[in-house]
Amino acid sequence: MDGGNFVSNNIDTAIITKAFLLDNCLEEAEAKQILSGLTGYKHIAFIDYDEKDLVPHSDALLMFGNANKLFMHHDGSDHSAAIE
């Protein structure tokens, strides 16, 4: 996995763009199971990305400030992502 597309709180949560699913020909449920098994994380979230981005990394969109605080980049567009 490309490191820039894996943002975590280093405890139990990781956020990855859906480009990971396309790049690895995986369904979301299967990818969550694999990644949870590899990391031990309980929460794996896949977020949308702008398909015009050359490198669709989650670290360009957000970062954890601490275990429970998430900072998101907002460029003024209507594009938004939901974290499950």
Protein backbone atom coordinates (compact mmCIF):
# COMPACT_ATOMS: atom_id res chain seq x y z
CA MET A 1 0.00 0.00 0.00
CA ASP A 2 1.14 3.48 -0.75
CA GLY A 3 1.93 5.14 2.58
CA GLY A 4 0.32 8.47 1.69
CA ASN A 5 -3.04 6.80 1.31
CA PHE A 6 -3.09 5.35 4.82
CA VAL A 7 -3.86 7.88 7.55
CA SER A 8 -4.33 6.52 11.06
CA ASN A 9 -4.63 7.64 14.65
CA ASN A 10 -2.06 4.95 15.57
CA ILE A 11 -4.60 3.29 17.85
CA ASP A 12 -7.62 1.76 16.14
CA THR A 13 -8.69 3.84 13.11
CA ALA A 14 -7.41 4.20 9.55
CA ILE A 15 -8.75 6.27 6.66
CA ILE A 16 -7.97 5.44 3.03
CA THR A 17 -9.33 6.77 -0.25
CA LYS A 18 -11.46 4.48 -2.38
CA ALA A 19 -8.63 4.51 -4.94
CA PHE A 20 -7.15 1.71 -2.83
CA LEU A 21 -10.17 -0.46 -3.64
CA LEU A 22 -9.82 0.15 -7.38
CA ASP A 23 -6.04 -0.33 -7.37
CA ASN A 24 -6.37 -3.69 -5.61
CA CYS A 25 -9.63 -4.92 -7.20
CA LEU A 26 -11.26 -5.27 -3.79
CA GLU A 27 -14.75 -4.73 -2.46
CA GLU A 28 -14.95 -2.49 0.60
CA ALA A 29 -15.94 -5.27 3.04
CA GLU A 30 -13.09 -7.51 1.87
CA ALA A 31 -10.56 -4.67 2.10
CA LYS A 32 -11.73 -3.78 5.63
CA GLN A 33 -11.30 -7.39 6.73
CA ILE A 34 -7.80 -7.63 5.24
CA LEU A 35 -6.62 -4.29 6.63
CA SER A 36 -8.13 -4.93 10.06
CA GLY A 37 -6.33 -8.26 10.15
CA LEU A 38 -3.00 -6.68 9.20
CA THR A 39 -3.23 -3.67 11.51
CA GLY A 40 -5.51 -4.78 14.34
CA TYR A 41 -7.53 -1.60 13.79
CA LYS A 42 -11.26 -1.79 14.53
CA HIS A 43 -12.23 1.10 12.27
CA ILE A 44 -11.26 1.26 8.61
CA ALA A 45 -12.95 4.00 6.59
CA PHE A 46 -12.85 4.53 2.84
CA ILE A 47 -13.46 8.04 1.60
CA ASP A 48 -14.18 9.49 -1.83
CA TYR A 49 -11.49 11.39 -3.68
CA ASP A 50 -11.36 13.76 -6.60
CA GLU A 51 -10.76 11.59 -9.67
CA LYS A 52 -8.85 14.51 -11.24
CA ASP A 53 -6.13 14.16 -8.60
CA LEU A 54 -3.02 12.54 -10.00
CA VAL A 55 -2.21 11.01 -6.61
CA PRO A 56 -5.43 10.33 -4.68
CA HIS A 57 -3.97 10.13 -1.17
CA SER A 58 -5.94 10.53 2.02
CA ASP A 59 -3.03 12.43 3.62
CA ALA A 60 -3.74 15.29 1.19
CA LEU A 61 -7.31 15.45 2.50
CA LEU A 62 -7.04 14.91 6.25
CA MET A 63 -4.87 14.15 9.24
CA PHE A 64 -5.35 13.16 12.85
CA GLY A 65 -4.48 15.80 15.45
CA ASN A 66 -4.70 13.19 18.17
CA ALA A 67 -6.56 9.91 18.71
CA ASN A 68 -9.98 11.58 18.54
CA LYS A 69 -9.45 14.77 16.53
CA LEU A 70 -9.50 14.78 12.74
CA PHE A 71 -8.47 17.77 10.62
CA MET A 72 -9.89 17.91 7.10
CA HIS A 73 -8.75 20.03 4.17
CA HIS A 74 -11.56 22.01 2.59
CA ASP A 75 -11.03 23.69 -0.76
CA GLY A 76 -14.46 25.27 -0.99
CA SER A 77 -15.91 22.64 -3.32
CA ASP A 78 -19.12 20.71 -2.74
CA HIS A 79 -17.13 17.47 -2.52
CA SER A 80 -17.47 15.98 0.94
CA ALA A 81 -16.61 12.67 2.55
CA ALA A 82 -18.41 10.71 5.24
CA ILE A 83 -16.43 8.77 7.80
CA GLU A 84 -18.19 5.60 8.94
